[in-house]
Structure formats: C-alpha cells, structure tokens
C-alpha cells in the first residue's frame, strides 16, 4: 500500500496531497503547508499466553469459523510494551500477567504494523471481551503457526523449547486478519 492510499487530503489544511520523493522515499505531501505523511508502521503487541500449562488461542468475532490466534492489540501512547501487553490481555480475557518475556519483533508489512511479541504467563479466570467469541487451550506441542505475523513469533517460541514446528496455511478468506497467530 502506498502512503497515498491512507490520506488523500492534508489533515492540516485539506489540500489534496501529492506523491513525491521526500527523504529517500515516495511519500504523500501537501504542497500548500508542507505536511508529510510518513506512513510509519503501527506497533502491535502480541501475547502468546501460557495459562494453566497450555497456550490460550482466541477467535475474533470477525474471523472465519475455526480461526484462532494470539491475543493482539495496539500499543497506546505513554505505555511500555510490557504494560501494553498486560493491558490488552486484561481487556480481552480478564487474565492477569504473572510474567512477560519478549519473544521478538516481527514485521507485518501487509498491514503496515510492527509486532512486538511476548510469551506471557497468566493467571485468573478467562472472560472474553465482546471482540472475542471463543477460545481454546492448546498443548504447546500441538500449536500450528503460520508463516506470517504472530505465527512467526509462535514458531520462534516453539523452536526455543525444542518443540516441532509444523506450519499451516491460512484459510483462503479471512474476514479481518489479525497480525498473525496460530490454529490448533
């Protein structure tokens, strides 16, 4: 996606934007006031949640039946990634973070996102938010990551534990794909 796909008009002065070379890349610029759409990736937090010895995968209400993934959400202004992943987990599942360890950082260029993935040990009672319609608890050795987004984080986490990694293909049509994940 080019930067022009996101903004057609300047958010400062409403002048139509033009595509031009700026700072070594093609960007959307405002010829009237000089505003530049940098189109930087958004930070997304992902939690590979270990709960009662298994991995919690959830299904978003907008996804196809049978599609389960990691808990993800956008980082908010003023919070650290660790605080953000704890907030997202609490909002989406009502679980509390006992421990969070960074798995890695992964590009998700299709959605212009940068995924910051954590292995999270959690406690509490699962109560899903309205965004989620179902969850599964999966034995770690039965996880099936895919080759994009948080699926790569899941695969890295599995490899670090000497678990076999068997990638799956994504369904042909996903209503609103997340930053990645896995399916049991």
Protein backbone atom coordinates (compact mmCIF):
# COMPACT_ATOMS: atom_id res chain seq x y z
CA UNK A 1 0.00 0.00 0.00
CA UNK A 2 1.39 3.40 -0.85
CA UNK A 3 1.12 6.28 1.56
CA UNK A 4 -1.36 7.93 -0.79
CA UNK A 5 -3.85 5.11 -0.11
CA UNK A 6 -4.21 6.28 3.50
CA UNK A 7 -4.55 10.03 3.04
CA UNK A 8 -5.92 11.91 0.05
CA UNK A 9 -6.17 15.32 1.72
CA UNK A 10 -3.93 17.17 4.15
CA UNK A 11 -5.21 16.82 7.74
CA UNK A 12 -3.97 20.37 8.47
CA UNK A 13 -5.35 22.41 5.56
CA UNK A 14 -7.48 19.98 3.45
CA UNK A 15 -5.40 20.50 0.29
CA UNK A 16 -5.17 17.41 -1.96
CA UNK A 17 -1.93 15.54 -1.30
CA UNK A 18 0.62 14.74 -3.99
CA UNK A 19 3.04 11.82 -4.23
CA UNK A 20 6.65 12.99 -4.32
CA UNK A 21 10.12 11.86 -3.40
CA UNK A 22 10.92 13.01 0.15
CA UNK A 23 13.68 11.79 2.49
CA UNK A 24 14.58 8.98 0.12
CA UNK A 25 11.08 7.57 -0.40
CA UNK A 26 7.87 8.31 -2.23
CA UNK A 27 5.52 9.98 0.26
CA UNK A 28 2.28 11.92 0.30
CA UNK A 29 2.99 15.63 0.74
CA UNK A 30 0.97 18.80 0.99
CA UNK A 31 2.24 21.42 -1.44
CA UNK A 32 0.33 24.15 0.42
CA UNK A 33 1.54 23.74 4.02
CA UNK A 34 4.38 21.18 3.80
CA UNK A 35 2.75 18.42 5.87
CA UNK A 36 4.29 14.98 5.21
CA UNK A 37 2.55 11.64 5.68
CA UNK A 38 5.45 9.47 6.89
CA UNK A 39 3.33 6.28 6.93
CA UNK A 40 5.30 4.72 9.78
CA UNK A 41 4.28 1.22 10.92
CA UNK A 42 1.97 0.91 13.92
CA UNK A 43 3.26 -1.00 16.96
CA UNK A 44 1.10 -4.05 17.69
CA UNK A 45 1.53 -6.09 20.85
CA UNK A 46 1.04 -9.84 20.79
CA UNK A 47 0.75 -12.26 23.68
CA UNK A 48 1.44 -15.97 23.40
CA UNK A 49 -0.45 -16.69 26.61
CA UNK A 50 0.52 -19.66 28.77
CA UNK A 51 -2.41 -20.41 31.04
CA UNK A 52 -2.68 -23.49 33.23
CA UNK A 53 0.18 -25.15 31.31
CA UNK A 54 -1.42 -24.68 27.89
CA UNK A 55 -1.49 -21.90 25.30
CA UNK A 56 -4.62 -19.78 25.05
CA UNK A 57 -5.71 -19.01 21.49
CA UNK A 58 -8.76 -16.84 20.81
CA UNK A 59 -11.14 -16.31 17.90
CA UNK A 60 -12.12 -12.80 16.90
CA UNK A 61 -15.81 -12.29 16.10
CA UNK A 62 -14.91 -11.11 12.57
CA UNK A 63 -12.87 -14.21 11.67
CA UNK A 64 -13.93 -17.35 9.86
CA UNK A 65 -15.02 -20.31 11.95
CA UNK A 66 -12.10 -22.34 13.26
CA UNK A 67 -9.56 -19.48 13.09
CA UNK A 68 -7.77 -18.97 16.42
CA UNK A 69 -4.78 -16.74 17.14
CA UNK A 70 -2.73 -14.98 19.77
CA UNK A 71 -4.10 -12.06 21.76
CA UNK A 72 -3.07 -8.85 19.96
CA UNK A 73 -3.73 -5.15 20.23
CA UNK A 74 -2.27 -1.73 19.57
CA UNK A 75 0.16 -0.12 21.94
CA UNK A 76 -1.19 3.09 23.42
CA UNK A 77 0.52 6.41 23.99
CA UNK A 78 2.52 6.57 27.18
CA UNK A 79 2.76 2.84 27.90
CA UNK A 80 5.66 0.45 27.66
CA UNK A 81 5.24 -2.67 25.52
CA UNK A 82 5.14 -4.78 28.72
CA UNK A 83 2.40 -2.62 30.24
CA UNK A 84 0.52 -2.65 26.93
CA UNK A 85 0.56 -6.42 26.56
CA UNK A 86 -0.70 -6.73 30.16
CA UNK A 87 -3.47 -4.21 29.45
CA UNK A 88 -4.52 -5.96 26.23
CA UNK A 89 -4.59 -9.36 27.93
CA UNK A 90 -6.73 -7.97 30.77
CA UNK A 91 -9.11 -6.21 28.36
CA UNK A 92 -9.54 -9.20 26.05
CA UNK A 93 -9.53 -12.13 28.50
CA UNK A 94 -9.67 -10.74 32.09
CA UNK A 95 -6.40 -12.59 32.79
CA UNK A 96 -3.52 -11.07 34.74
CA UNK A 97 0.10 -11.22 33.63
CA UNK A 98 2.40 -13.01 36.06
CA UNK A 99 5.43 -12.79 33.78
CA UNK A 100 6.10 -11.43 30.29
CA UNK A 101 9.21 -12.25 28.26
CA UNK A 102 9.95 -10.82 24.84
CA UNK A 103 9.87 -13.40 22.03
CA UNK A 104 10.85 -10.96 19.31
CA UNK A 105 9.85 -8.17 16.96
CA UNK A 106 8.30 -9.04 13.60
CA UNK A 107 7.36 -7.03 10.54
CA UNK A 108 3.83 -7.31 9.22
CA UNK A 109 4.15 -5.19 6.11
CA UNK A 110 0.76 -6.13 4.61
CA UNK A 111 -0.94 -4.10 7.36
CA UNK A 112 2.00 -1.71 7.95
CA UNK A 113 2.45 -2.99 11.50
CA UNK A 114 5.42 -3.91 13.65
CA UNK A 115 4.59 -6.78 16.02
CA UNK A 116 6.21 -6.88 19.45
CA UNK A 117 5.53 -10.43 20.68
CA UNK A 118 5.70 -11.69 24.26
CA UNK A 119 5.42 -15.05 25.97
CA UNK A 120 3.06 -14.29 28.84
CA UNK A 121 2.34 -16.46 31.85
CA UNK A 122 -1.15 -15.58 33.06
CA UNK A 123 -3.50 -16.31 35.92
CA UNK A 124 -7.16 -15.68 36.68
CA UNK A 125 -10.44 -16.74 35.10
CA UNK A 126 -10.95 -16.36 31.35
CA UNK A 127 -13.77 -13.98 30.48
CA UNK A 128 -13.70 -12.90 26.83
CA UNK A 129 -14.35 -9.33 25.65
CA UNK A 130 -17.06 -8.62 23.08
CA UNK A 131 -14.39 -8.72 20.33
CA UNK A 132 -13.69 -12.39 21.01
CA UNK A 133 -16.23 -15.19 20.60
CA UNK A 134 -14.30 -18.29 21.63
CA UNK A 135 -11.00 -19.58 22.92
CA UNK A 136 -9.04 -22.79 23.04
CA UNK A 137 -6.35 -24.07 25.38
CA UNK A 138 -3.79 -25.96 23.32
CA UNK A 139 -0.89 -28.12 24.42
CA UNK A 140 2.30 -26.31 23.31
CA UNK A 141 3.46 -29.23 21.14
CA UNK A 142 0.14 -29.14 19.23
CA UNK A 143 0.39 -25.49 18.15
CA UNK A 144 0.27 -24.85 14.40
CA UNK A 145 1.75 -21.46 13.45
CA UNK A 146 1.58 -19.87 10.03
CA UNK A 147 4.32 -18.12 8.08
CA UNK A 148 3.37 -14.51 8.74
CA UNK A 149 2.74 -12.10 11.59
CA UNK A 150 2.48 -13.63 15.03
CA UNK A 151 2.73 -17.10 13.53
CA UNK A 152 6.45 -16.40 13.19
CA UNK A 153 6.64 -15.43 16.87
CA UNK A 154 4.83 -18.63 17.81
CA UNK A 155 7.27 -20.66 15.72
CA UNK A 156 10.27 -18.94 17.34
CA UNK A 157 8.83 -19.60 20.82
CA UNK A 158 8.30 -23.27 19.92
CA UNK A 159 11.81 -23.65 18.48
CA UNK A 160 13.30 -22.17 21.67
CA UNK A 161 11.61 -25.03 23.56
CA UNK A 162 12.66 -27.69 21.04
CA UNK A 163 9.05 -28.24 20.01
CA UNK A 164 8.30 -29.40 16.46
CA UNK A 165 7.12 -26.58 14.20
CA UNK A 166 4.54 -27.61 11.61
CA UNK A 167 3.27 -24.56 9.72
CA UNK A 168 -0.30 -24.38 8.43
CA UNK A 169 -1.72 -22.43 5.52
CA UNK A 170 -4.11 -19.62 6.29
CA UNK A 171 -7.74 -20.07 5.25
CA UNK A 172 -8.45 -18.77 1.75
CA UNK A 173 -10.61 -15.96 3.11
CA UNK A 174 -10.25 -14.29 6.47
CA UNK A 175 -12.75 -11.55 7.28
CA UNK A 176 -10.31 -9.35 9.25
CA UNK A 177 -6.91 -10.93 9.59
CA UNK A 178 -5.02 -10.22 12.77
CA UNK A 179 -1.39 -9.60 12.99
CA UNK A 180 -0.95 -13.36 12.86
CA UNK A 181 -1.34 -16.22 15.23
CA UNK A 182 -1.90 -19.91 15.16
CA UNK A 183 -4.54 -22.53 14.97
CA UNK A 184 -4.96 -25.69 16.95
